[in-house]
Amino acid sequence: MLAALLALPLAAGPLLRGAEGVRALAALQSTFTVGLAVWLSARVLLGHLPLPSRRLLIWAAALATAGAAAAFSSPAGARSLPGLASLLLALALFPALAEISKDERALVDQALRVAGWLCAALALYQRFALDRPAAAGPFDAPEVWCAALVMLAAPAYERGDRLLLCVLAFCGLVAGGLGAWWGLAAALWLTRGWRAPFWGRAAAAAAVVCLIVVYNRLGSPELFERARVWRGAAAMVADRPLLGVGPGAFGALLARYAPGAPAAADARLHPLQAAAEWGLPAALLWFAGLWHCLRGGPSPKRFAALAVLLQSLWDPVFSVPSNLWLFSYLAASSIPETSEGVNVPWRLRPALVVAAAVFGLLLAAPGALLRARAERLEKLAWTGGVPTWSSLLERDAR
């Protein structure tokens, strides 16, 4: 059951336009957390509850608490609900992955392979049937699509699906995605360059090509606009260093902190955005946990996670929830299956079942509030189409 719950947001998220839509995000987050509570209740009733490591639980709980505090104290108000819902699900993936076996993880990988084929088929249809030169599959931005391609390629490589790898690579070439190629080259150099001179030279050559393209853009307005966005993010950190402005509230508050900056939902510099939205302590805790997960030996999943993390220094990789979930899954893949657990006495089982239900309701609350908010906005002003949080906020402001 837990493996199916993990596979649901990871595989369905990219297919649902990155779960950017209000209903998709609320449904996936609420379904996962309620299902997690049901699974915990079932384990308690069976009398044995497996537990991840205490360090992992403290890390995830501390980040979830910091994210909730930032969201509910955010100057953006309810506009932090989507970011909080996405963050809570991403954090829940870490301890949940420790609860499933190697065979169950293989089932999640198979679901990701199916999602990869469906996304690639859509991109190929866009390119050849609709004649879109920069086909981005189910996503709006090619940079976000290329990051998803890198992450979907990892389970395909581990399962030996070479055909899917070739199709995903072709989709990446069609979409462009300079940041993704830069991330792959930098990750290759960091992981193989010191031990394998051939791969080190190949990575260095690819990085040089990317830098030449970036240098060619130094005089473009895009770079100056990006600098204004970075200054706005730095102003958020200076104004609210402990709690941040709230998960996902960056775009809503950018005009307040950086007048004249272009509208942007992402700072295109993940460490700076994490500090601005979650606060400096939570951002440091987040990257400390990622360092612990990614510093292990060679693994396709850890390599893909590192490449996407490096890409996030330039591209809006995590501007859609599904990419954050995929990244968390890949980063958490180094966590071994837990061998710890506790036997639950009969007298404690009813109380622990109630506690599991309360825990599930607390985790699902942002998704439920988000769905209720979306429905209220739709009743006020809705003209058709697929609602996203940004479009609903625009209608609410009017």
Protein backbone atom coordinates (compact mmCIF):
# COMPACT_ATOMS: atom_id res chain seq x y z
CA MET A 1 0.00 0.00 0.00
CA LEU A 2 2.75 2.46 0.93
CA ALA A 3 4.57 1.88 -2.36
CA ALA A 4 1.37 2.70 -4.28
CA LEU A 5 0.94 5.87 -2.22
CA LEU A 6 4.50 6.91 -3.08
CA ALA A 7 4.01 6.16 -6.76
CA LEU A 8 0.80 8.21 -7.02
CA PRO A 9 2.18 11.77 -6.70
CA LEU A 10 5.55 10.88 -8.22
CA ALA A 11 4.12 9.41 -11.43
CA ALA A 12 0.89 11.39 -11.72
CA GLY A 13 2.42 14.76 -10.84
CA PRO A 14 4.37 15.26 -14.10
CA LEU A 15 1.39 14.07 -16.14
CA LEU A 16 -0.85 16.67 -14.44
CA ARG A 17 1.22 19.61 -15.70
CA GLY A 18 3.57 19.33 -12.76
CA ALA A 19 0.64 19.41 -10.28
CA GLU A 20 0.57 23.20 -10.71
CA GLY A 21 -3.20 23.12 -10.99
CA VAL A 22 -4.98 23.81 -7.72
CA ARG A 23 -7.19 20.73 -7.82
CA ALA A 24 -4.35 18.41 -8.85
CA LEU A 25 -2.06 19.63 -6.08
CA ALA A 26 -4.77 19.47 -3.43
CA ALA A 27 -5.94 16.02 -4.52
CA LEU A 28 -2.46 14.46 -4.66
CA GLN A 29 -1.30 15.97 -1.37
CA SER A 30 -4.49 15.10 0.51
CA THR A 31 -4.70 11.57 -0.90
CA PHE A 32 -1.09 10.82 0.00
CA THR A 33 -1.31 12.13 3.55
CA VAL A 34 -4.67 10.52 4.32
CA GLY A 35 -3.40 7.24 2.86
CA LEU A 36 -0.27 7.54 5.00
CA ALA A 37 -2.44 7.94 8.09
CA VAL A 38 -4.46 4.85 7.11
CA TRP A 39 -1.25 2.86 6.63
CA LEU A 40 0.05 3.96 10.04
CA SER A 41 -3.26 2.99 11.66
CA ALA A 42 -3.14 -0.44 10.02
CA ARG A 43 0.42 -1.03 11.25
CA VAL A 44 -0.59 -0.02 14.77
CA LEU A 45 -3.56 -2.41 14.72
CA LEU A 46 -1.27 -5.21 13.53
CA GLY A 47 0.87 -4.59 16.58
CA HIS A 48 4.20 -3.61 14.97
CA LEU A 49 5.19 -0.16 13.81
CA PRO A 50 8.41 0.18 11.76
CA LEU A 51 10.28 3.40 12.48
CA PRO A 52 12.83 5.29 10.38
CA SER A 53 15.95 6.56 12.11
CA ARG A 54 15.40 9.12 14.83
CA ARG A 55 17.67 11.60 13.06
CA LEU A 56 15.59 11.39 9.88
CA LEU A 57 12.31 11.88 11.75
CA ILE A 58 13.66 14.89 13.67
CA TRP A 59 15.00 16.44 10.44
CA ALA A 60 11.72 16.03 8.55
CA ALA A 61 9.59 17.15 11.51
CA ALA A 62 11.76 20.23 12.09
CA LEU A 63 11.52 21.28 8.45
CA ALA A 64 7.76 20.65 8.36
CA THR A 65 7.30 22.74 11.51
CA ALA A 66 9.45 25.55 10.11
CA GLY A 67 7.54 25.46 6.81
CA ALA A 68 4.17 25.58 8.59
CA ALA A 69 5.31 28.45 10.82
CA ALA A 70 6.56 30.37 7.78
CA ALA A 71 3.31 29.75 5.89
CA PHE A 72 0.91 30.75 8.66
CA SER A 73 2.92 33.88 9.53
CA SER A 74 3.47 34.83 5.90
CA PRO A 75 2.62 38.35 4.74
CA ALA A 76 1.08 36.65 1.69
CA GLY A 77 -1.58 34.93 3.79
CA ALA A 78 -3.38 32.06 2.05
CA ARG A 79 -1.11 32.38 -0.97
CA SER A 80 1.43 30.24 0.93
CA LEU A 81 -0.93 27.25 1.02
CA PRO A 82 0.22 25.71 -2.29
CA GLY A 83 3.88 25.91 -1.30
CA LEU A 84 3.18 24.44 2.13
CA ALA A 85 1.15 21.56 0.69
CA SER A 86 3.93 20.76 -1.78
CA LEU A 87 6.66 21.03 0.87
CA LEU A 88 4.89 18.75 3.35
CA LEU A 89 4.47 16.02 0.76
CA ALA A 90 8.12 16.33 -0.30
CA LEU A 91 9.30 15.99 3.30
CA ALA A 92 6.99 13.04 3.98
CA LEU A 93 8.65 11.14 1.14
CA PHE A 94 11.93 10.83 3.08
CA PRO A 95 10.71 8.81 6.10
CA ALA A 96 8.10 7.03 3.96
CA LEU A 97 10.77 5.71 1.59
CA ALA A 98 12.61 4.17 4.53
CA GLU A 99 9.53 2.04 5.21
CA ILE A 100 9.43 0.20 1.89
CA SER A 101 11.63 -2.65 0.72
CA LYS A 102 13.88 -2.88 -2.31
CA ASP A 103 11.22 -4.75 -4.29
CA GLU A 104 8.60 -2.12 -3.45
CA ARG A 105 10.97 0.63 -4.55
CA ALA A 106 11.26 -1.18 -7.86
CA LEU A 107 7.47 -0.86 -8.26
CA VAL A 108 7.75 2.91 -7.77
CA ASP A 109 10.49 2.99 -10.40
CA GLN A 110 8.26 1.11 -12.82
CA ALA A 111 5.52 3.70 -12.30
CA LEU A 112 8.06 6.44 -13.06
CA ARG A 113 9.09 4.63 -16.24
CA VAL A 114 5.46 4.59 -17.40
CA ALA A 115 5.18 8.31 -16.58
CA GLY A 116 8.41 8.94 -18.50
CA TRP A 117 7.06 7.19 -21.60
CA LEU A 118 3.77 9.10 -21.47
CA CYS A 119 5.49 12.48 -21.00
CA ALA A 120 7.96 11.72 -23.81
CA ALA A 121 5.14 10.64 -26.14
CA LEU A 122 3.37 13.94 -25.49
CA ALA A 123 6.57 15.89 -26.22
CA LEU A 124 7.13 13.99 -29.48
CA TYR A 125 3.54 14.65 -30.49
CA GLN A 126 4.02 18.37 -29.82
CA ARG A 127 7.22 18.43 -31.85
CA PHE A 128 6.17 16.49 -34.92
CA ALA A 129 2.36 16.75 -35.04
CA LEU A 130 1.95 20.28 -33.69
CA ASP A 131 5.31 21.55 -35.00
CA ARG A 132 6.50 23.12 -31.76
CA PRO A 133 10.30 23.52 -31.96
CA ALA A 134 10.76 23.69 -28.16
CA ALA A 135 8.26 21.01 -27.13
CA ALA A 136 8.03 20.87 -23.33
CA GLY A 137 5.74 17.87 -22.84
CA PRO A 138 3.16 18.47 -20.09
CA PHE A 139 5.03 21.54 -18.79
CA ASP A 140 4.92 25.18 -19.85
CA ALA A 141 8.63 25.98 -19.41
CA PRO A 142 11.37 24.03 -21.23
CA GLU A 143 13.72 24.44 -18.24
CA VAL A 144 11.25 22.72 -15.93
CA TRP A 145 10.66 19.98 -18.53
CA CYS A 146 14.39 19.34 -18.92
CA ALA A 147 14.80 18.97 -15.15
CA ALA A 148 11.97 16.43 -15.11
CA LEU A 149 13.66 14.58 -18.00
CA VAL A 150 16.88 14.24 -16.02
CA MET A 151 15.03 12.86 -13.00
CA LEU A 152 12.83 10.48 -15.02
CA ALA A 153 15.95 9.15 -16.75
CA ALA A 154 17.43 7.86 -13.47
CA PRO A 155 14.96 4.98 -12.84
CA ALA A 156 15.00 4.20 -16.58
CA TYR A 157 18.79 3.79 -16.44
CA GLU A 158 18.62 1.60 -13.33
CA ARG A 159 16.00 -0.65 -14.94
CA GLY A 160 17.97 -0.93 -18.19
CA ASP A 161 15.41 0.84 -20.38
CA ARG A 162 17.89 2.15 -22.95
CA LEU A 163 15.19 3.04 -25.47
CA LEU A 164 13.46 5.33 -22.98
CA LEU A 165 16.82 6.93 -22.18
CA CYS A 166 17.39 7.71 -25.86
CA VAL A 167 13.88 9.15 -26.23
CA LEU A 168 14.29 11.32 -23.13
CA ALA A 169 17.70 12.55 -24.35
CA PHE A 170 16.17 13.47 -27.72
CA CYS A 171 13.38 15.35 -25.95
CA GLY A 172 16.02 17.23 -23.97
CA LEU A 173 17.86 18.20 -27.15
CA VAL A 174 14.63 19.41 -28.75
CA ALA A 175 13.63 21.46 -25.69
CA GLY A 176 17.05 23.10 -25.33
CA GLY A 177 17.43 23.51 -21.59
CA LEU A 178 20.96 24.90 -21.27
CA GLY A 179 20.72 24.74 -17.48
CA ALA A 180 20.01 21.00 -17.53
CA TRP A 181 23.05 20.29 -19.68
CA TRP A 182 25.15 22.50 -17.41
CA GLY A 183 23.87 20.58 -14.37
CA LEU A 184 24.66 17.23 -15.96
CA ALA A 185 28.18 18.35 -16.94
CA ALA A 186 28.91 19.79 -13.50
CA ALA A 187 27.54 16.70 -11.73
CA LEU A 188 29.61 14.44 -13.99
CA TRP A 189 32.75 16.40 -13.24
CA LEU A 190 32.08 16.37 -9.48
CA THR A 191 31.33 12.65 -9.30
CA ARG A 192 33.61 11.17 -11.96
CA GLY A 193 36.09 13.86 -12.95
CA TRP A 194 38.54 13.17 -10.15
CA ARG A 195 38.65 9.40 -10.68
CA ALA A 196 38.09 9.05 -14.43
CA PRO A 197 40.09 11.51 -16.56
CA PHE A 198 38.04 10.78 -19.70
CA TRP A 199 34.75 11.67 -18.04
CA GLY A 200 36.38 14.66 -16.38
CA ARG A 201 37.53 16.05 -19.74
CA ALA A 202 34.14 15.36 -21.34
CA ALA A 203 32.35 17.14 -18.49
CA ALA A 204 34.76 20.07 -18.64
CA ALA A 205 34.24 20.42 -22.40
CA ALA A 206 30.45 20.41 -22.00
CA ALA A 207 30.69 22.96 -19.19
CA VAL A 208 32.85 25.22 -21.35
CA VAL A 209 30.28 25.11 -24.16
CA CYS A 210 27.53 26.06 -21.68
CA LEU A 211 29.64 28.90 -20.31
CA ILE A 212 30.27 30.24 -23.82
CA VAL A 213 26.52 30.35 -24.42
CA VAL A 214 25.98 32.07 -21.06
CA TYR A 215 28.73 34.58 -21.83
CA ASN A 216 26.96 35.41 -25.07
CA ARG A 217 23.92 36.39 -23.00
CA LEU A 218 25.72 38.66 -20.53
CA GLY A 219 24.53 41.81 -22.26
CA SER A 220 20.93 40.66 -22.63
CA PRO A 221 18.09 42.25 -20.62
CA GLU A 222 17.31 38.84 -19.14
CA LEU A 223 20.43 38.93 -16.96
CA PHE A 224 19.64 42.38 -15.57
CA GLU A 225 16.05 41.33 -14.87
CA ARG A 226 17.32 38.24 -13.08
CA ALA A 227 19.62 40.41 -10.97
CA ARG A 228 16.60 42.48 -9.86
CA VAL A 229 14.80 39.29 -8.86
CA TRP A 230 17.84 38.17 -6.84
CA ARG A 231 17.96 41.54 -5.07
CA GLY A 232 14.29 41.10 -4.18
CA ALA A 233 14.98 37.66 -2.74
CA ALA A 234 17.92 39.02 -0.74
CA ALA A 235 15.64 41.75 0.63
CA MET A 236 13.17 39.08 1.78
CA VAL A 237 15.95 37.26 3.62
CA ALA A 238 17.08 40.49 5.28
CA ASP A 239 13.50 41.37 6.30
CA ARG A 240 12.48 37.93 7.62
CA PRO A 241 15.65 35.90 8.22
CA LEU A 242 14.17 33.42 10.70
CA LEU A 243 10.78 32.47 9.27
CA GLY A 244 10.94 33.67 5.68
CA VAL A 245 7.99 34.97 3.70
CA GLY A 246 6.33 31.56 3.43
CA PRO A 247 6.65 28.57 1.05
CA GLY A 248 5.56 29.50 -2.44
CA ALA A 249 4.96 33.17 -1.53
CA PHE A 250 8.01 34.51 -3.37
CA GLY A 251 6.15 35.51 -6.54
CA ALA A 252 3.29 37.14 -4.67
CA LEU A 253 5.62 39.36 -2.61
CA LEU A 254 8.36 40.11 -5.13
CA ALA A 255 6.85 43.43 -6.22
CA ARG A 256 6.81 44.59 -2.59
CA TYR A 257 10.51 43.85 -2.03
CA ALA A 258 11.81 44.70 -5.51
CA PRO A 259 9.70 47.38 -7.22
CA GLY A 260 10.26 47.32 -10.95
CA ALA A 261 11.44 43.69 -11.02
CA PRO A 262 9.72 41.45 -13.58
CA ALA A 263 7.02 39.11 -12.32
CA ALA A 264 8.59 35.78 -11.33
CA ALA A 265 7.36 32.88 -9.23
CA ASP A 266 10.89 31.56 -8.76
CA ALA A 267 14.17 33.29 -7.95
CA ARG A 268 16.09 30.98 -10.34
CA LEU A 269 18.57 30.41 -7.52
CA HIS A 270 17.29 27.69 -5.23
CA PRO A 271 19.46 28.37 -2.13
CA LEU A 272 18.45 32.03 -2.17
CA GLN A 273 14.78 31.21 -2.69
CA ALA A 274 14.80 28.59 0.08
CA ALA A 275 16.26 31.14 2.49
CA ALA A 276 13.74 33.78 1.38
CA GLU A 277 10.68 31.50 1.68
CA TRP A 278 11.56 29.16 4.57
CA GLY A 279 14.03 31.29 6.55
CA LEU A 280 17.76 30.84 6.97
CA PRO A 281 17.65 28.12 9.69
CA ALA A 282 15.25 25.93 7.68
CA ALA A 283 17.24 26.45 4.47
CA LEU A 284 20.48 25.42 6.19
CA LEU A 285 18.74 22.37 7.68
CA TRP A 286 17.36 21.44 4.24
CA PHE A 287 20.73 21.57 2.51
CA ALA A 288 22.45 19.77 5.39
CA GLY A 289 20.01 16.88 4.94
CA LEU A 290 20.54 16.89 1.18
CA TRP A 291 24.31 16.80 1.67
CA HIS A 292 23.92 13.76 3.91
CA CYS A 293 21.77 12.01 1.28
CA LEU A 294 23.84 12.89 -1.79
CA ARG A 295 27.35 12.40 -0.47
CA GLY A 296 27.18 8.59 -0.77
CA GLY A 297 28.66 6.42 -3.48
CA PRO A 298 27.77 6.49 -7.17
CA SER A 299 24.11 5.97 -7.98
CA PRO A 300 22.04 7.06 -10.99
CA LYS A 301 19.39 8.52 -8.72
CA ARG A 302 21.81 10.50 -6.59
CA PHE A 303 23.60 11.66 -9.74
CA ALA A 304 20.32 12.91 -11.24
CA ALA A 305 19.39 14.66 -7.98
CA LEU A 306 22.79 16.37 -7.86
CA ALA A 307 22.48 17.46 -11.51
CA VAL A 308 19.04 18.98 -10.89
CA LEU A 309 20.25 20.68 -7.72
CA LEU A 310 23.07 22.28 -9.72
CA GLN A 311 20.60 23.25 -12.45
CA SER A 312 18.46 24.98 -9.83
CA LEU A 313 21.27 27.52 -9.42
CA TRP A 314 20.15 28.96 -12.77
CA ASP A 315 16.74 27.62 -13.76
CA PRO A 316 13.31 27.61 -12.01
CA VAL A 317 13.51 23.86 -11.50
CA PHE A 318 11.20 23.69 -8.48
CA SER A 319 8.57 26.11 -9.74
CA VAL A 320 6.17 23.14 -10.07
CA PRO A 321 5.46 20.74 -7.17
CA SER A 322 6.08 17.51 -9.09
CA ASN A 323 9.74 18.37 -9.66
CA LEU A 324 10.26 18.92 -5.93
CA TRP A 325 8.65 15.56 -5.22
CA LEU A 326 10.75 13.75 -7.82
CA PHE A 327 13.88 15.41 -6.47
CA SER A 328 13.02 14.38 -2.91
CA TYR A 329 12.44 10.79 -4.02
CA LEU A 330 15.78 10.62 -5.81
CA ALA A 331 17.64 12.24 -2.92
CA ALA A 332 15.98 9.91 -0.41
CA SER A 333 16.91 6.82 -2.45
CA SER A 334 20.13 6.54 -0.44
CA ILE A 335 18.14 6.00 2.77
CA PRO A 336 18.23 2.27 3.61
CA GLU A 337 15.15 0.28 4.51
CA THR A 338 14.50 0.62 8.21
CA SER A 339 15.23 -2.34 10.46
CA GLU A 340 13.91 -0.65 13.58
CA GLY A 341 10.42 -0.87 14.97
CA VAL A 342 8.33 -1.12 18.09
CA ASN A 343 5.77 -3.65 19.21
CA VAL A 344 2.55 -1.87 20.18
CA PRO A 345 0.74 -3.17 23.30
CA TRP A 346 -3.00 -3.73 23.02
CA ARG A 347 -3.83 -1.01 25.54
CA LEU A 348 -2.03 1.64 23.49
CA ARG A 349 -3.40 0.77 20.07
CA PRO A 350 -6.67 2.79 20.20
CA ALA A 351 -4.84 5.94 21.33
CA LEU A 352 -2.17 5.53 18.65
CA VAL A 353 -4.79 5.02 15.94
CA VAL A 354 -6.40 8.30 16.98
CA ALA A 355 -2.95 9.94 16.95
CA ALA A 356 -2.31 8.62 13.42
CA ALA A 357 -5.65 10.03 12.27
CA VAL A 358 -4.85 13.44 13.77
CA PHE A 359 -1.41 13.32 12.16
CA GLY A 360 -2.94 12.62 8.75
CA LEU A 361 -5.49 15.40 9.14
CA LEU A 362 -2.78 17.90 10.08
CA LEU A 363 -0.67 16.98 7.05
CA ALA A 364 -3.70 17.03 4.75
CA ALA A 365 -4.99 20.36 6.09
CA PRO A 366 -3.07 22.59 3.62
CA GLY A 367 -4.40 20.58 0.67
CA ALA A 368 -7.96 20.70 2.00
CA LEU A 369 -7.75 24.44 2.68
CA LEU A 370 -6.26 24.97 -0.75
CA ARG A 371 -9.10 23.12 -2.43
CA ALA A 372 -11.72 25.06 -0.45
CA ARG A 373 -10.01 28.32 -1.34
CA ALA A 374 -9.94 27.39 -5.02
CA GLU A 375 -13.62 26.48 -5.01
CA ARG A 376 -14.51 29.81 -3.40
CA LEU A 377 -12.52 31.73 -5.97
CA GLU A 378 -14.07 29.74 -8.81
CA LYS A 379 -17.55 30.68 -7.60
CA LEU A 380 -16.58 34.35 -7.51
CA ALA A 381 -14.97 34.55 -10.94
CA TRP A 382 -14.37 31.70 -13.31
CA THR A 383 -14.57 31.80 -17.08
CA GLY A 384 -13.27 28.37 -18.08
CA GLY A 385 -10.01 26.53 -18.64
CA VAL A 386 -7.77 24.68 -16.18
CA PRO A 387 -7.28 26.72 -12.99
CA THR A 388 -3.79 27.31 -11.61
CA TRP A 389 -3.06 29.03 -8.34
CA SER A 390 -1.59 32.10 -10.05
CA SER A 391 -4.67 32.60 -12.27
CA LEU A 392 -7.00 32.27 -9.30
CA LEU A 393 -4.97 34.80 -7.33
CA GLU A 394 -5.27 37.28 -10.18
CA ARG A 395 -9.06 36.90 -10.14
CA ASP A 396 -9.11 37.24 -6.35
CA ALA A 397 -7.09 40.47 -6.52
CA ARG A 398 -9.56 41.97 -9.00
